[in-house]
């Protein structure tokens, strides 16, 4: 049975997953990890834009 999660929870999980992957897999770029997280966590276009902005603002 599938559990429905609030979108904010999916976003938190995606950020945690991307951060974990950035630490363990340096060969993949940030854009590729964000794209993979979008597929893995079934995120919509607005959520993907949020992830891109989140990492762009926090890299500075």
N, C-alpha and C. Protein backbone atom coordinates (compact mmCIF):
# COMPACT_ATOMS: atom_id res chain seq x y z
N UNK A 1 0.83 -1.17 0.00
CA UNK A 1 0.00 0.00 0.00
C UNK A 1 0.89 1.25 0.00
N UNK A 2 0.53 2.23 -0.76
CA UNK A 2 1.30 3.46 -0.89
C UNK A 2 0.85 4.48 0.15
N UNK A 3 1.81 5.12 0.77
CA UNK A 3 1.51 6.16 1.75
C UNK A 3 1.63 7.51 1.06
N UNK A 4 0.63 8.34 1.23
CA UNK A 4 0.66 9.68 0.65
C UNK A 4 1.32 10.62 1.65
N UNK A 5 2.36 11.33 1.18
CA UNK A 5 3.08 12.26 2.04
C UNK A 5 2.79 13.68 1.60
N UNK A 6 2.78 14.61 2.55
CA UNK A 6 2.65 16.02 2.17
C UNK A 6 3.84 16.43 1.30
N UNK A 7 3.61 17.35 0.40
CA UNK A 7 4.66 17.77 -0.53
C UNK A 7 5.87 18.33 0.20
N UNK A 8 5.64 19.03 1.31
CA UNK A 8 6.77 19.59 2.05
C UNK A 8 7.68 18.49 2.60
N UNK A 9 7.09 17.37 2.98
CA UNK A 9 7.88 16.23 3.47
C UNK A 9 8.73 15.65 2.34
N UNK A 10 8.15 15.57 1.15
CA UNK A 10 8.91 15.08 0.00
C UNK A 10 10.08 16.00 -0.31
N UNK A 11 9.85 17.30 -0.20
CA UNK A 11 10.92 18.26 -0.46
C UNK A 11 12.04 18.10 0.56
N UNK A 12 11.69 17.93 1.83
CA UNK A 12 12.70 17.72 2.86
C UNK A 12 13.50 16.46 2.59
N UNK A 13 12.80 15.40 2.21
CA UNK A 13 13.49 14.14 1.91
C UNK A 13 14.41 14.29 0.70
N UNK A 14 13.94 15.03 -0.31
CA UNK A 14 14.76 15.25 -1.51
C UNK A 14 16.03 16.03 -1.16
N UNK A 15 15.90 17.07 -0.34
CA UNK A 15 17.07 17.85 0.06
C UNK A 15 18.05 16.99 0.84
N UNK A 16 17.53 16.18 1.75
CA UNK A 16 18.40 15.28 2.53
C UNK A 16 19.10 14.28 1.61
N UNK A 17 18.37 13.74 0.65
CA UNK A 17 18.94 12.75 -0.27
C UNK A 17 20.02 13.40 -1.14
N UNK A 18 19.74 14.59 -1.68
CA UNK A 18 20.72 15.28 -2.52
C UNK A 18 21.98 15.58 -1.71
N UNK A 19 21.81 16.06 -0.49
CA UNK A 19 22.97 16.37 0.36
C UNK A 19 23.81 15.12 0.62
N UNK A 20 23.13 14.02 0.89
CA UNK A 20 23.83 12.75 1.13
C UNK A 20 24.60 12.31 -0.12
N UNK A 21 23.96 12.43 -1.27
CA UNK A 21 24.61 12.02 -2.52
C UNK A 21 25.79 12.93 -2.86
N UNK A 22 25.68 14.22 -2.55
CA UNK A 22 26.78 15.15 -2.82
C UNK A 22 28.01 14.78 -2.00
N UNK A 23 27.79 14.27 -0.79
CA UNK A 23 28.91 13.88 0.06
C UNK A 23 29.54 12.57 -0.40
N UNK A 24 28.71 11.65 -0.90
CA UNK A 24 29.23 10.32 -1.23
C UNK A 24 29.57 10.14 -2.71
N UNK A 25 28.94 10.90 -3.60
CA UNK A 25 29.18 10.75 -5.04
C UNK A 25 29.59 12.09 -5.63
N UNK A 26 30.85 12.29 -5.80
CA UNK A 26 31.31 13.56 -6.34
C UNK A 26 31.28 13.59 -7.86
N UNK A 27 31.10 12.43 -8.51
CA UNK A 27 31.13 12.43 -9.97
C UNK A 27 29.85 12.98 -10.60
N UNK A 28 28.75 12.98 -9.86
CA UNK A 28 27.50 13.53 -10.39
C UNK A 28 27.41 15.00 -10.01
N UNK A 29 26.97 15.80 -10.96
CA UNK A 29 26.81 17.22 -10.70
C UNK A 29 25.51 17.51 -9.97
N UNK A 30 25.40 18.72 -9.47
CA UNK A 30 24.21 19.11 -8.71
C UNK A 30 22.96 19.04 -9.57
N UNK A 31 23.04 19.49 -10.81
CA UNK A 31 21.87 19.47 -11.69
C UNK A 31 21.37 18.04 -11.91
N UNK A 32 22.29 17.11 -12.09
CA UNK A 32 21.90 15.71 -12.28
C UNK A 32 21.26 15.14 -11.03
N UNK A 33 21.79 15.50 -9.86
CA UNK A 33 21.21 15.02 -8.61
C UNK A 33 19.82 15.60 -8.38
N UNK A 34 19.63 16.87 -8.70
CA UNK A 34 18.31 17.48 -8.56
C UNK A 34 17.32 16.80 -9.49
N UNK A 35 17.74 16.53 -10.71
CA UNK A 35 16.88 15.85 -11.68
C UNK A 35 16.51 14.45 -11.18
N UNK A 36 17.49 13.72 -10.67
CA UNK A 36 17.23 12.38 -10.17
C UNK A 36 16.31 12.41 -8.95
N UNK A 37 16.50 13.40 -8.09
CA UNK A 37 15.63 13.54 -6.91
C UNK A 37 14.19 13.81 -7.34
N UNK A 38 14.02 14.60 -8.40
CA UNK A 38 12.68 14.89 -8.90
C UNK A 38 11.95 13.63 -9.33
N UNK A 39 12.66 12.75 -9.99
CA UNK A 39 12.07 11.48 -10.43
C UNK A 39 11.86 10.56 -9.23
N UNK A 40 12.86 10.46 -8.38
CA UNK A 40 12.81 9.55 -7.23
C UNK A 40 11.68 9.92 -6.26
N UNK A 41 11.46 11.23 -6.05
CA UNK A 41 10.47 11.67 -5.08
C UNK A 41 9.19 12.19 -5.75
N UNK A 42 9.05 11.96 -7.05
CA UNK A 42 7.83 12.31 -7.78
C UNK A 42 7.46 13.78 -7.59
N UNK A 43 8.41 14.65 -7.88
CA UNK A 43 8.22 16.08 -7.67
C UNK A 43 7.76 16.76 -8.94
N UNK A 44 6.97 17.80 -8.78
CA UNK A 44 6.47 18.57 -9.90
C UNK A 44 7.46 19.65 -10.31
N UNK A 45 7.15 20.37 -11.39
CA UNK A 45 8.05 21.42 -11.89
C UNK A 45 8.33 22.52 -10.86
N UNK A 46 7.32 22.93 -10.12
CA UNK A 46 7.53 23.99 -9.12
C UNK A 46 8.45 23.51 -8.00
N UNK A 47 8.32 22.25 -7.63
CA UNK A 47 9.19 21.70 -6.59
C UNK A 47 10.63 21.63 -7.10
N UNK A 48 10.78 21.28 -8.37
CA UNK A 48 12.12 21.22 -8.96
C UNK A 48 12.75 22.62 -9.00
N UNK A 49 11.95 23.62 -9.35
CA UNK A 49 12.45 25.00 -9.35
C UNK A 49 12.87 25.42 -7.95
N UNK A 50 12.07 25.01 -6.95
CA UNK A 50 12.43 25.33 -5.57
C UNK A 50 13.78 24.72 -5.21
N UNK A 51 14.00 23.45 -5.56
CA UNK A 51 15.28 22.80 -5.25
C UNK A 51 16.43 23.53 -5.92
N UNK A 52 16.25 23.94 -7.17
CA UNK A 52 17.31 24.65 -7.87
C UNK A 52 17.61 25.98 -7.19
N UNK A 53 16.56 26.73 -6.81
CA UNK A 53 16.77 28.00 -6.10
C UNK A 53 17.42 27.77 -4.74
N UNK A 54 16.96 26.74 -4.03
CA UNK A 54 17.48 26.43 -2.70
C UNK A 54 18.99 26.21 -2.75
N UNK A 55 19.44 25.40 -3.69
CA UNK A 55 20.87 25.11 -3.77
C UNK A 55 21.66 26.28 -4.34
N UNK A 56 21.06 27.04 -5.25
CA UNK A 56 21.75 28.21 -5.82
C UNK A 56 21.98 29.26 -4.73
N UNK A 57 20.95 29.51 -3.90
CA UNK A 57 21.07 30.51 -2.84
C UNK A 57 22.00 30.05 -1.72
N UNK A 58 22.04 28.75 -1.45
CA UNK A 58 22.84 28.24 -0.34
C UNK A 58 24.28 27.92 -0.73
N UNK A 59 24.61 27.97 -2.01
CA UNK A 59 25.99 27.73 -2.44
C UNK A 59 26.84 28.97 -2.27
N UNK A 60 26.22 30.12 -2.27
CA UNK A 60 26.97 31.39 -2.19
C UNK A 60 27.60 31.60 -0.84
